[in-house]
Amino acid sequence: MAMKAAIYARVSTDDKGQDTENQLMQLRQYCAAKGYDVYKEFTENVTGTGKKRRPEFEEMMEDARRRKFDVLLVWSYDRFSRAGLKDIHYISDLNQWGVKFMSYQESFLDTTSEMGELLTPIFAWIAKQEAKKISERTKAGLARAQAQGKKLGRPKVDVATARMLQLRQDGRSLDEIAKELGTSKETVRRRLQSLGQNSGGNGGDVPSAKG
């Protein structure tokens, strides 16, 4: 019996002039070459970051949980999630449900192979370490601000400040941070400067130093 494959294709709202058909064409051909029956194509035009819901993604994961297909095929991992390795837990969930994961562009992300299954826990460990580093950098930034007598405001503001620091440490521009947090670029610039962070030049697109 042929394996059933679900296809997930996404373009970001920032990807001007692109559509999911470019990804779908190659993924369909790949399924045909592998002899997979396509269960369903899930397509979205939405950014992979922030709080915006991805209904197609959610439906796909629910279908995976119910084992309605055997393999999930994506064009590349950043189309699946732009949070990078921090979202590697999705692959672990799929494995737990008995659903394999394959990335067309990244052959090492293929849990249908023994090598892919071996690499998955390694990626999960790397993701955990990266999340730990981000947390430590965020706490260090807040501690420095408090030591300098900076007032960070109420808990709600603290959360926003922590998120702002995390995004800046990830190399996001002031415009991107402002858009995600729903505030102005100037507010972001002032907040980062008050915390002793490099807010970049006039354009605000110079990544902050990591370390």
N, C-alpha and C. Protein backbone atom coordinates (compact mmCIF):
# COMPACT_ATOMS: atom_id res chain seq x y z
N MET A 1 0.85 -1.20 0.00
CA MET A 1 0.00 0.00 0.00
C MET A 1 0.88 1.24 0.00
N ALA A 2 0.56 2.20 -0.87
CA ALA A 2 1.35 3.43 -0.96
C ALA A 2 1.16 4.28 0.29
N MET A 3 2.26 4.94 0.68
CA MET A 3 2.19 5.82 1.85
C MET A 3 1.44 7.10 1.48
N LYS A 4 0.69 7.61 2.44
CA LYS A 4 -0.02 8.87 2.24
C LYS A 4 0.85 10.02 2.72
N ALA A 5 1.00 11.03 1.88
CA ALA A 5 1.83 12.18 2.21
C ALA A 5 1.00 13.45 2.26
N ALA A 6 1.20 14.23 3.31
CA ALA A 6 0.62 15.57 3.39
C ALA A 6 1.69 16.55 2.97
N ILE A 7 1.30 17.55 2.22
CA ILE A 7 2.24 18.58 1.76
C ILE A 7 1.90 19.90 2.45
N TYR A 8 2.92 20.55 3.00
CA TYR A 8 2.70 21.87 3.61
C TYR A 8 3.59 22.88 2.89
N ALA A 9 2.96 23.92 2.35
CA ALA A 9 3.68 24.98 1.65
C ALA A 9 3.26 26.33 2.21
N ARG A 10 4.24 27.19 2.44
CA ARG A 10 3.94 28.50 3.01
C ARG A 10 4.86 29.55 2.41
N VAL A 11 4.29 30.70 2.14
CA VAL A 11 5.09 31.88 1.82
C VAL A 11 4.75 32.94 2.85
N SER A 12 5.74 33.70 3.22
CA SER A 12 5.54 34.74 4.21
C SER A 12 4.88 35.96 3.58
N THR A 13 4.19 36.73 4.39
CA THR A 13 3.61 37.98 3.91
C THR A 13 4.70 38.95 3.50
N ASP A 14 5.96 38.69 3.92
CA ASP A 14 7.09 39.54 3.55
C ASP A 14 7.72 39.10 2.24
N ASP A 15 7.34 37.92 1.74
CA ASP A 15 7.90 37.39 0.49
C ASP A 15 7.14 37.97 -0.70
N LYS A 16 7.54 39.13 -1.13
CA LYS A 16 6.84 39.82 -2.21
C LYS A 16 7.00 39.06 -3.53
N GLY A 17 5.89 38.92 -4.23
CA GLY A 17 5.93 38.31 -5.55
C GLY A 17 6.06 36.80 -5.56
N GLN A 18 5.94 36.16 -4.41
CA GLN A 18 6.04 34.70 -4.35
C GLN A 18 4.67 34.09 -4.06
N ASP A 19 4.51 32.84 -4.47
CA ASP A 19 3.30 32.12 -4.11
C ASP A 19 3.66 30.67 -3.84
N THR A 20 2.74 29.95 -3.24
CA THR A 20 3.03 28.57 -2.82
C THR A 20 3.14 27.60 -3.99
N GLU A 21 2.65 27.98 -5.16
CA GLU A 21 2.67 27.07 -6.30
C GLU A 21 4.09 26.66 -6.67
N ASN A 22 5.06 27.55 -6.49
CA ASN A 22 6.44 27.22 -6.80
C ASN A 22 6.92 26.04 -5.95
N GLN A 23 6.54 26.04 -4.67
CA GLN A 23 6.91 24.95 -3.79
C GLN A 23 6.11 23.68 -4.12
N LEU A 24 4.81 23.86 -4.34
CA LEU A 24 3.93 22.73 -4.56
C LEU A 24 4.33 21.91 -5.79
N MET A 25 4.76 22.58 -6.84
CA MET A 25 5.13 21.88 -8.06
C MET A 25 6.25 20.87 -7.80
N GLN A 26 7.28 21.30 -7.09
CA GLN A 26 8.39 20.40 -6.79
C GLN A 26 8.00 19.31 -5.80
N LEU A 27 7.16 19.66 -4.84
CA LEU A 27 6.76 18.67 -3.85
C LEU A 27 5.85 17.60 -4.44
N ARG A 28 5.00 17.98 -5.37
CA ARG A 28 4.16 17.00 -6.06
C ARG A 28 5.01 16.03 -6.87
N GLN A 29 6.00 16.59 -7.56
CA GLN A 29 6.89 15.76 -8.37
C GLN A 29 7.67 14.79 -7.47
N TYR A 30 8.08 15.26 -6.31
CA TYR A 30 8.82 14.43 -5.38
C TYR A 30 7.95 13.26 -4.90
N CYS A 31 6.69 13.56 -4.57
CA CYS A 31 5.77 12.51 -4.12
C CYS A 31 5.55 11.47 -5.22
N ALA A 32 5.43 11.95 -6.45
CA ALA A 32 5.23 11.03 -7.57
C ALA A 32 6.44 10.12 -7.73
N ALA A 33 7.64 10.70 -7.59
CA ALA A 33 8.86 9.91 -7.74
C ALA A 33 8.99 8.87 -6.63
N LYS A 34 8.51 9.22 -5.45
CA LYS A 34 8.59 8.31 -4.30
C LYS A 34 7.44 7.31 -4.28
N GLY A 35 6.43 7.55 -5.10
CA GLY A 35 5.28 6.66 -5.11
C GLY A 35 4.31 6.94 -3.97
N TYR A 36 4.34 8.18 -3.45
CA TYR A 36 3.42 8.55 -2.36
C TYR A 36 2.09 9.02 -2.94
N ASP A 37 1.00 8.69 -2.26
CA ASP A 37 -0.31 9.27 -2.56
C ASP A 37 -0.44 10.56 -1.77
N VAL A 38 -0.80 11.66 -2.43
CA VAL A 38 -0.95 12.94 -1.73
C VAL A 38 -2.29 12.96 -1.02
N TYR A 39 -2.23 12.99 0.31
CA TYR A 39 -3.45 13.03 1.12
C TYR A 39 -4.11 14.40 1.01
N LYS A 40 -3.32 15.46 1.19
CA LYS A 40 -3.88 16.81 1.15
C LYS A 40 -2.74 17.81 1.06
N GLU A 41 -3.02 18.94 0.42
CA GLU A 41 -2.06 20.03 0.36
C GLU A 41 -2.53 21.15 1.29
N PHE A 42 -1.69 21.51 2.23
CA PHE A 42 -1.99 22.59 3.17
C PHE A 42 -1.14 23.79 2.76
N THR A 43 -1.77 24.91 2.42
CA THR A 43 -1.03 26.07 1.94
C THR A 43 -1.43 27.31 2.72
N GLU A 44 -0.44 28.17 2.96
CA GLU A 44 -0.70 29.40 3.71
C GLU A 44 0.18 30.54 3.21
N ASN A 45 -0.34 31.74 3.36
CA ASN A 45 0.43 32.95 3.09
C ASN A 45 0.41 33.77 4.38
N VAL A 46 1.33 33.46 5.25
CA VAL A 46 1.35 34.10 6.56
C VAL A 46 2.75 33.98 7.12
N THR A 47 3.18 34.98 7.87
CA THR A 47 4.50 34.94 8.47
C THR A 47 4.58 33.81 9.48
N GLY A 48 5.76 33.22 9.61
CA GLY A 48 5.95 32.10 10.53
C GLY A 48 6.26 32.52 11.94
N THR A 49 6.44 33.83 12.16
CA THR A 49 6.76 34.32 13.49
C THR A 49 5.61 35.13 14.05
N GLY A 50 5.74 35.55 15.29
CA GLY A 50 4.71 36.37 15.91
C GLY A 50 3.54 35.56 16.41
N LYS A 51 2.44 36.27 16.73
CA LYS A 51 1.29 35.63 17.34
C LYS A 51 0.19 35.27 16.35
N LYS A 52 0.40 35.60 15.08
CA LYS A 52 -0.64 35.35 14.09
C LYS A 52 -0.84 33.86 13.90
N ARG A 53 -2.10 33.41 13.94
CA ARG A 53 -2.42 32.00 13.84
C ARG A 53 -2.15 31.48 12.43
N ARG A 54 -1.85 30.19 12.37
CA ARG A 54 -1.69 29.51 11.09
C ARG A 54 -2.72 28.37 11.06
N PRO A 55 -3.93 28.67 10.66
CA PRO A 55 -5.01 27.66 10.71
C PRO A 55 -4.71 26.41 9.90
N GLU A 56 -4.09 26.55 8.72
CA GLU A 56 -3.77 25.38 7.91
C GLU A 56 -2.74 24.50 8.62
N PHE A 57 -1.77 25.14 9.23
CA PHE A 57 -0.75 24.41 9.98
C PHE A 57 -1.39 23.64 11.14
N GLU A 58 -2.29 24.33 11.85
CA GLU A 58 -2.96 23.70 12.99
C GLU A 58 -3.81 22.51 12.55
N GLU A 59 -4.52 22.67 11.43
CA GLU A 59 -5.35 21.57 10.92
C GLU A 59 -4.46 20.39 10.51
N MET A 60 -3.34 20.72 9.88
CA MET A 60 -2.42 19.68 9.44
C MET A 60 -1.87 18.88 10.63
N MET A 61 -1.47 19.57 11.68
CA MET A 61 -0.93 18.89 12.86
C MET A 61 -2.00 18.04 13.55
N GLU A 62 -3.24 18.52 13.52
CA GLU A 62 -4.33 17.74 14.11
C GLU A 62 -4.58 16.48 13.28
N ASP A 63 -4.52 16.60 11.96
CA ASP A 63 -4.67 15.43 11.11
C ASP A 63 -3.53 14.44 11.33
N ALA A 64 -2.34 14.98 11.57
CA ALA A 64 -1.18 14.12 11.85
C ALA A 64 -1.41 13.36 13.16
N ARG A 65 -1.92 14.08 14.16
CA ARG A 65 -2.18 13.44 15.46
C ARG A 65 -3.18 12.30 15.30
N ARG A 66 -4.14 12.47 14.39
CA ARG A 66 -5.13 11.42 14.14
C ARG A 66 -4.64 10.38 13.14
N ARG A 67 -3.37 10.54 12.72
CA ARG A 67 -2.71 9.61 11.80
C ARG A 67 -3.49 9.45 10.49
N LYS A 68 -3.89 10.59 9.92
CA LYS A 68 -4.59 10.56 8.65
C LYS A 68 -3.62 10.46 7.47
N PHE A 69 -2.34 10.65 7.73
CA PHE A 69 -1.32 10.48 6.69
C PHE A 69 -0.05 9.93 7.34
N ASP A 70 0.87 9.48 6.52
CA ASP A 70 2.07 8.80 7.01
C ASP A 70 3.32 9.68 7.01
N VAL A 71 3.37 10.61 6.05
CA VAL A 71 4.56 11.45 5.88
C VAL A 71 4.15 12.90 5.69
N LEU A 72 4.87 13.80 6.33
CA LEU A 72 4.67 15.23 6.10
C LEU A 72 5.86 15.74 5.31
N LEU A 73 5.59 16.34 4.15
CA LEU A 73 6.63 16.84 3.27
C LEU A 73 6.55 18.35 3.17
N VAL A 74 7.68 19.01 3.42
CA VAL A 74 7.76 20.47 3.29
C VAL A 74 8.90 20.81 2.33
N TRP A 75 8.85 22.00 1.76
CA TRP A 75 9.89 22.40 0.80
C TRP A 75 11.20 22.67 1.51
N SER A 76 11.13 23.37 2.66
CA SER A 76 12.30 23.60 3.50
C SER A 76 11.82 23.88 4.91
N TYR A 77 12.71 23.72 5.88
CA TYR A 77 12.28 23.84 7.27
C TYR A 77 11.83 25.25 7.61
N ASP A 78 12.42 26.28 6.97
CA ASP A 78 12.01 27.64 7.30
C ASP A 78 10.63 27.96 6.73
N ARG A 79 10.12 27.12 5.80
CA ARG A 79 8.73 27.26 5.36
C ARG A 79 7.79 26.62 6.38
N PHE A 80 8.31 25.60 7.06
CA PHE A 80 7.54 24.91 8.10
C PHE A 80 7.49 25.77 9.35
N SER A 81 8.62 26.34 9.73
CA SER A 81 8.67 27.22 10.90
C SER A 81 9.87 28.14 10.80
N ARG A 82 9.64 29.45 10.95
CA ARG A 82 10.74 30.40 10.92
C ARG A 82 11.37 30.60 12.29
N ALA A 83 10.88 29.86 13.26
CA ALA A 83 11.51 29.92 14.58
C ALA A 83 12.74 29.03 14.61
N GLY A 84 13.03 28.39 13.49
CA GLY A 84 14.23 27.58 13.40
C GLY A 84 14.19 26.37 14.32
N LEU A 85 15.35 26.01 14.84
CA LEU A 85 15.46 24.81 15.65
C LEU A 85 14.66 24.89 16.94
N LYS A 86 14.24 26.09 17.31
CA LYS A 86 13.45 26.22 18.54
C LYS A 86 12.11 25.49 18.42
N ASP A 87 11.69 25.23 17.19
CA ASP A 87 10.43 24.51 16.97
C ASP A 87 10.66 23.07 16.52
N ILE A 88 11.84 22.52 16.83
CA ILE A 88 12.13 21.15 16.45
C ILE A 88 11.19 20.17 17.15
N HIS A 89 10.53 20.63 18.22
CA HIS A 89 9.63 19.75 18.96
C HIS A 89 8.47 19.28 18.09
N TYR A 90 8.15 20.04 17.03
CA TYR A 90 7.09 19.60 16.14
C TYR A 90 7.44 18.26 15.49
N ILE A 91 8.71 18.10 15.13
CA ILE A 91 9.13 16.84 14.53
C ILE A 91 9.03 15.71 15.55
N SER A 92 9.37 16.02 16.80
CA SER A 92 9.25 15.02 17.86
C SER A 92 7.79 14.60 18.04
N ASP A 93 6.88 15.59 17.94
CA ASP A 93 5.45 15.28 18.05
C ASP A 93 5.03 14.34 16.91
N LEU A 94 5.47 14.66 15.71
CA LEU A 94 5.11 13.83 14.56
C LEU A 94 5.63 12.40 14.74
N ASN A 95 6.86 12.28 15.21
CA ASN A 95 7.42 10.94 15.43
C ASN A 95 6.61 10.17 16.47
N GLN A 96 6.18 10.88 17.50
CA GLN A 96 5.38 10.25 18.55
C GLN A 96 4.06 9.74 17.99
N TRP A 97 3.51 10.45 17.01
CA TRP A 97 2.24 10.06 16.41
C TRP A 97 2.43 9.04 15.28
N GLY A 98 3.67 8.69 14.99
CA GLY A 98 3.94 7.72 13.93
C GLY A 98 3.95 8.32 12.54
N VAL A 99 4.16 9.65 12.45
CA VAL A 99 4.19 10.34 11.17
C VAL A 99 5.63 10.79 10.88
N LYS A 100 6.14 10.47 9.72
CA LYS A 100 7.49 10.84 9.33
C LYS A 100 7.53 12.27 8.80
N PHE A 101 8.71 12.87 8.85
CA PHE A 101 8.90 14.25 8.39
C PHE A 101 10.01 14.29 7.36
N MET A 102 9.76 15.02 6.26
CA MET A 102 10.77 15.15 5.21
C MET A 102 10.84 16.59 4.73
N SER A 103 12.07 17.10 4.59
CA SER A 103 12.30 18.42 4.01
C SER A 103 12.93 18.23 2.64
N TYR A 104 12.32 18.80 1.63
CA TYR A 104 12.80 18.65 0.25
C TYR A 104 14.19 19.25 0.07
N GLN A 105 14.44 20.40 0.70
CA GLN A 105 15.71 21.09 0.54
C GLN A 105 16.80 20.58 1.47
N GLU A 106 16.41 20.00 2.60
CA GLU A 106 17.39 19.56 3.60
C GLU A 106 17.28 18.05 3.79
N SER A 107 18.09 17.31 3.06
CA SER A 107 17.99 15.86 3.07
C SER A 107 18.26 15.26 4.44
N PHE A 108 18.99 15.99 5.29
CA PHE A 108 19.29 15.46 6.62
C PHE A 108 18.06 15.51 7.53
N LEU A 109 17.05 16.31 7.15
CA LEU A 109 15.81 16.35 7.92
C LEU A 109 14.81 15.39 7.28
N ASP A 110 15.05 14.13 7.46
CA ASP A 110 14.24 13.08 6.86
C ASP A 110 14.15 11.93 7.85
N THR A 111 13.06 11.88 8.60
CA THR A 111 12.94 10.84 9.62
C THR A 111 12.44 9.52 9.05
N THR A 112 12.32 9.43 7.70
CA THR A 112 12.03 8.14 7.10
C THR A 112 13.31 7.31 7.02
N SER A 113 14.46 7.98 7.24
CA SER A 113 15.75 7.30 7.21
C SER A 113 16.30 7.14 8.62
N GLU A 114 17.19 6.19 8.81
CA GLU A 114 17.80 5.98 10.11
C GLU A 114 18.65 7.18 10.51
N MET A 115 19.34 7.79 9.55
CA MET A 115 20.17 8.95 9.84
C MET A 115 19.32 10.11 10.33
N GLY A 116 18.16 10.31 9.68
CA GLY A 116 17.27 11.39 10.10
C GLY A 116 16.76 11.19 11.51
N GLU A 117 16.42 9.95 11.85
CA GLU A 117 15.95 9.66 13.20
C GLU A 117 17.05 9.89 14.22
N LEU A 118 18.30 9.61 13.83
CA LEU A 118 19.44 9.82 14.72
C LEU A 118 19.67 11.31 14.97
N LEU A 119 19.50 12.12 13.91
CA LEU A 119 19.80 13.55 14.03
C LEU A 119 18.73 14.32 14.79
N THR A 120 17.49 13.85 14.78
CA THR A 120 16.40 14.59 15.42
C THR A 120 16.67 14.91 16.89
N PRO A 121 17.04 13.95 17.75
CA PRO A 121 17.32 14.31 19.14
C PRO A 121 18.52 15.24 19.29
N ILE A 122 19.47 15.17 18.34
CA ILE A 122 20.62 16.08 18.38
C ILE A 122 20.15 17.50 18.12
N PHE A 123 19.28 17.67 17.12
CA PHE A 123 18.73 19.00 16.83
C PHE A 123 17.92 19.52 18.02
N ALA A 124 17.18 18.62 18.66
CA ALA A 124 16.39 19.02 19.83
C ALA A 124 17.29 19.52 20.94
N TRP A 125 18.43 18.86 21.13
CA TRP A 125 19.38 19.28 22.16
C TRP A 125 19.97 20.65 21.82
N ILE A 126 20.32 20.85 20.54
CA ILE A 126 20.85 22.15 20.10
C ILE A 126 19.83 23.25 20.34
N ALA A 127 18.57 22.96 20.02
CA ALA A 127 17.50 23.95 20.21
C ALA A 127 17.36 24.31 21.68
N LYS A 128 17.46 23.32 22.55
CA LYS A 128 17.34 23.55 23.99
C LYS A 128 18.47 24.45 24.48
N GLN A 129 19.68 24.20 24.00
CA GLN A 129 20.82 25.02 24.40
C GLN A 129 20.69 26.45 23.90
N GLU A 130 20.17 26.61 22.67
CA GLU A 130 19.99 27.95 22.11
C GLU A 130 18.95 28.73 22.90
N ALA A 131 17.85 28.05 23.27
CA ALA A 131 16.81 28.70 24.07
C ALA A 131 17.37 29.11 25.43
N LYS A 132 18.24 28.29 25.99
CA LYS A 132 18.86 28.59 27.28
C LYS A 132 19.75 29.82 27.17
N LYS A 133 20.51 29.93 26.08
CA LYS A 133 21.38 31.09 25.87
C LYS A 133 20.56 32.37 25.74
N ILE A 134 19.46 32.29 24.99
CA ILE A 134 18.60 33.47 24.82
C ILE A 134 18.04 33.91 26.16
N SER A 135 17.60 32.93 26.97
CA SER A 135 17.06 33.24 28.28
C SER A 135 18.11 33.89 29.16
N GLU A 136 19.33 33.38 29.12
CA GLU A 136 20.40 33.93 29.95
C GLU A 136 20.76 35.35 29.51
N ARG A 137 20.79 35.60 28.19
CA ARG A 137 21.09 36.94 27.70
C ARG A 137 20.00 37.92 28.09
N THR A 138 18.75 37.47 28.01
CA THR A 138 17.62 38.33 28.38
C THR A 138 17.69 38.69 29.86
N LYS A 139 17.92 37.69 30.71
CA LYS A 139 18.01 37.94 32.15
C LYS A 139 19.19 38.86 32.48
N ALA A 140 20.31 38.69 31.76
CA ALA A 140 21.47 39.53 32.00
C ALA A 140 21.17 40.98 31.65
N GLY A 141 20.44 41.19 30.54
CA GLY A 141 20.08 42.54 30.14
C GLY A 141 19.16 43.21 31.15
N LEU A 142 18.19 42.46 31.66
CA LEU A 142 17.26 43.00 32.66
C LEU A 142 17.99 43.28 33.97
N ALA A 143 18.89 42.38 34.36
CA ALA A 143 19.64 42.56 35.61
C ALA A 143 20.52 43.79 35.53
N ARG A 144 21.12 44.02 34.38
CA ARG A 144 21.97 45.19 34.19
C ARG A 144 21.14 46.47 34.30
N ALA A 145 19.98 46.44 33.67
CA ALA A 145 19.11 47.62 33.73
C ALA A 145 18.69 47.91 35.17
N GLN A 146 18.33 46.87 35.91
CA GLN A 146 17.92 47.05 37.31
C GLN A 146 19.07 47.54 38.16
N ALA A 147 20.29 47.03 37.89
CA ALA A 147 21.47 47.45 38.65
C ALA A 147 21.77 48.93 38.42
N GLN A 148 21.40 49.42 37.24
CA GLN A 148 21.62 50.82 36.91
C GLN A 148 20.47 51.71 37.36
N GLY A 149 19.52 51.09 38.08
CA GLY A 149 18.40 51.85 38.60
C GLY A 149 17.32 52.13 37.58
N LYS A 150 17.33 51.41 36.48
CA LYS A 150 16.30 51.62 35.46
C LYS A 150 14.98 51.05 35.95
N LYS A 151 13.90 51.77 35.68
CA LYS A 151 12.57 51.28 36.00
C LYS A 151 11.98 50.61 34.78
N LEU A 152 11.68 49.35 34.92
CA LEU A 152 11.17 48.58 33.79
C LEU A 152 9.65 48.55 33.74
N GLY A 153 9.01 49.16 34.73
CA GLY A 153 7.56 49.24 34.71
C GLY A 153 6.88 48.03 35.32
N ARG A 154 5.59 47.91 35.03
CA ARG A 154 4.78 46.81 35.55
C ARG A 154 5.16 45.50 34.88
N PRO A 155 4.71 44.36 35.42
CA PRO A 155 5.05 43.06 34.85
C PRO A 155 4.77 42.96 33.36
N LYS A 156 3.67 43.57 32.91
CA LYS A 156 3.34 43.50 31.49
C LYS A 156 4.43 44.13 30.65
N VAL A 157 4.98 45.25 31.12
CA VAL A 157 6.04 45.93 30.40
C VAL A 157 7.31 45.09 30.45
N ASP A 158 7.56 44.42 31.60
CA ASP A 158 8.73 43.57 31.73
C ASP A 158 8.72 42.47 30.67
N VAL A 159 7.55 41.88 30.46
CA VAL A 159 7.42 40.82 29.46
C VAL A 159 7.76 41.37 28.08
N ALA A 160 7.23 42.56 27.77
CA ALA A 160 7.49 43.17 26.47
C ALA A 160 8.97 43.50 26.33
N THR A 161 9.58 43.95 27.42
CA THR A 161 11.00 44.28 27.38
C THR A 161 11.83 43.04 27.15
N ALA A 162 11.50 41.96 27.83
CA ALA A 162 12.22 40.71 27.66
C ALA A 162 12.11 40.22 26.22
N ARG A 163 10.92 40.31 25.65
CA ARG A 163 10.71 39.87 24.27
C ARG A 163 11.51 40.76 23.32
N MET A 164 11.54 42.07 23.61
CA MET A 164 12.27 43.01 22.78
C MET A 164 13.76 42.67 22.77
N LEU A 165 14.30 42.38 23.95
CA LEU A 165 15.70 42.01 24.05
C LEU A 165 16.00 40.72 23.30
N GLN A 166 15.09 39.77 23.43
CA GLN A 166 15.28 38.48 22.76
C GLN A 166 15.31 38.68 21.25
N LEU A 167 14.37 39.46 20.73
CA LEU A 167 14.31 39.69 19.30
C LEU A 167 15.56 40.41 18.80
N ARG A 168 16.05 41.38 19.61
CA ARG A 168 17.24 42.13 19.21
C ARG A 168 18.47 41.22 19.20
N GLN A 169 18.54 40.34 20.21
CA GLN A 169 19.66 39.40 20.27
C GLN A 169 19.61 38.44 19.09
N ASP A 170 18.41 38.20 18.56
CA ASP A 170 18.25 37.32 17.40
C ASP A 170 18.60 38.03 16.10
N GLY A 171 18.98 39.33 16.21
CA GLY A 171 19.39 40.07 15.02
C GLY A 171 18.26 40.75 14.28
N ARG A 172 17.09 40.88 14.92
CA ARG A 172 15.95 41.52 14.26
C ARG A 172 16.14 43.03 14.22
N SER A 173 15.67 43.67 13.17
CA SER A 173 15.78 45.12 13.04
C SER A 173 14.75 45.83 13.92
N LEU A 174 14.94 47.13 14.11
CA LEU A 174 13.98 47.90 14.91
C LEU A 174 12.59 47.88 14.29
N ASP A 175 12.54 47.97 12.97
CA ASP A 175 11.24 47.93 12.29
C ASP A 175 10.53 46.60 12.55
N GLU A 176 11.27 45.50 12.47
CA GLU A 176 10.68 44.18 12.67
C GLU A 176 10.19 44.00 14.11
N ILE A 177 11.01 44.50 15.07
CA ILE A 177 10.62 44.38 16.48
C ILE A 177 9.38 45.21 16.76
N ALA A 178 9.36 46.43 16.24
CA ALA A 178 8.21 47.32 16.46
C ALA A 178 6.93 46.71 15.89
N LYS A 179 7.04 46.12 14.71
CA LYS A 179 5.88 45.51 14.07
C LYS A 179 5.35 44.34 14.89
N GLU A 180 6.28 43.51 15.39
CA GLU A 180 5.85 42.33 16.15
C GLU A 180 5.24 42.71 17.49
N LEU A 181 5.78 43.76 18.13
CA LEU A 181 5.29 44.15 19.45
C LEU A 181 4.16 45.17 19.38
N GLY A 182 3.84 45.62 18.17
CA GLY A 182 2.74 46.57 18.02
C GLY A 182 3.03 47.94 18.57
N THR A 183 4.26 48.41 18.38
CA THR A 183 4.63 49.73 18.88
C THR A 183 5.43 50.45 17.80
N SER A 184 5.96 51.63 18.12
CA SER A 184 6.70 52.39 17.13
C SER A 184 8.19 52.04 17.18
N LYS A 185 8.87 52.29 16.07
CA LYS A 185 10.31 52.02 16.02
C LYS A 185 11.06 52.90 17.01
N GLU A 186 10.61 54.13 17.19
CA GLU A 186 11.27 55.05 18.12
C GLU A 186 11.14 54.56 19.56
N THR A 187 9.97 53.99 19.90
CA THR A 187 9.78 53.44 21.24
C THR A 187 10.74 52.29 21.48
N VAL A 188 10.89 51.44 20.48
CA VAL A 188 11.83 50.33 20.58
C VAL A 188 13.25 50.84 20.75
N ARG A 189 13.61 51.85 19.97
CA ARG A 189 14.96 52.41 20.03
C ARG A 189 15.26 52.96 21.44
N ARG A 190 14.29 53.72 21.98
CA ARG A 190 14.51 54.30 23.31
C ARG A 190 14.60 53.23 24.38
N ARG A 191 13.75 52.21 24.29
CA ARG A 191 13.77 51.15 25.29
C ARG A 191 15.09 50.40 25.28
N LEU A 192 15.58 50.07 24.08
CA LEU A 192 16.85 49.36 23.98
C LEU A 192 18.01 50.21 24.48
N GLN A 193 17.97 51.50 24.16
CA GLN A 193 19.03 52.39 24.63
C GLN A 193 19.02 52.50 26.15
N SER A 194 17.81 52.51 26.74
CA SER A 194 17.71 52.60 28.20
C SER A 194 18.25 51.35 28.89
N LEU A 195 18.27 50.23 28.14
CA LEU A 195 18.79 48.97 28.68
C LEU A 195 20.25 48.77 28.32
N GLY A 196 20.85 49.78 27.69
CA GLY A 196 22.26 49.68 27.35
C GLY A 196 22.53 48.81 26.14
N GLN A 197 21.49 48.61 25.29
CA GLN A 197 21.64 47.79 24.10
C GLN A 197 21.91 48.67 22.90
N ASN A 198 22.69 48.14 21.94
CA ASN A 198 22.95 48.84 20.69
C ASN A 198 21.68 48.84 19.85
N SER A 199 21.12 50.02 19.59
CA SER A 199 19.87 50.08 18.83
C SER A 199 20.12 50.35 17.36
N GLY A 200 21.38 50.35 16.94
CA GLY A 200 21.65 50.53 15.51
C GLY A 200 21.72 51.98 15.13
N GLY A 201 21.94 52.23 13.85
CA GLY A 201 22.04 53.59 13.35
C GLY A 201 20.69 54.20 13.10
N ASN A 202 20.68 55.23 12.26
CA ASN A 202 19.42 55.93 11.97
C ASN A 202 18.39 55.03 11.35
N GLY A 203 18.86 54.05 10.54
CA GLY A 203 17.92 53.15 9.89
C GLY A 203 17.39 52.09 10.83
N GLY A 204 18.16 51.84 11.91
CA GLY A 204 17.71 50.87 12.89
C GLY A 204 17.77 49.44 12.41
N ASP A 205 18.56 49.17 11.36
CA ASP A 205 18.61 47.83 10.83
C ASP A 205 19.94 47.15 11.07
N VAL A 206 20.78 47.77 11.87
CA VAL A 206 22.05 47.16 12.18
C VAL A 206 21.88 46.18 13.31
N PRO A 207 22.15 44.90 13.10
CA PRO A 207 21.94 43.91 14.16
C PRO A 207 22.76 44.22 15.38
N SER A 208 22.21 43.91 16.55
CA SER A 208 22.94 44.12 17.78
C SER A 208 24.00 43.05 17.90
N ALA A 209 25.06 43.36 18.65
CA ALA A 209 26.12 42.39 18.85
C ALA A 209 25.66 41.25 19.71
N LYS A 210 25.99 40.03 19.27
CA LYS A 210 25.62 38.86 20.07
C LYS A 210 26.80 38.48 20.92
N GLY A 211 26.49 37.90 22.06
CA GLY A 211 27.59 37.48 22.90
C GLY A 211 27.18 37.17 24.20
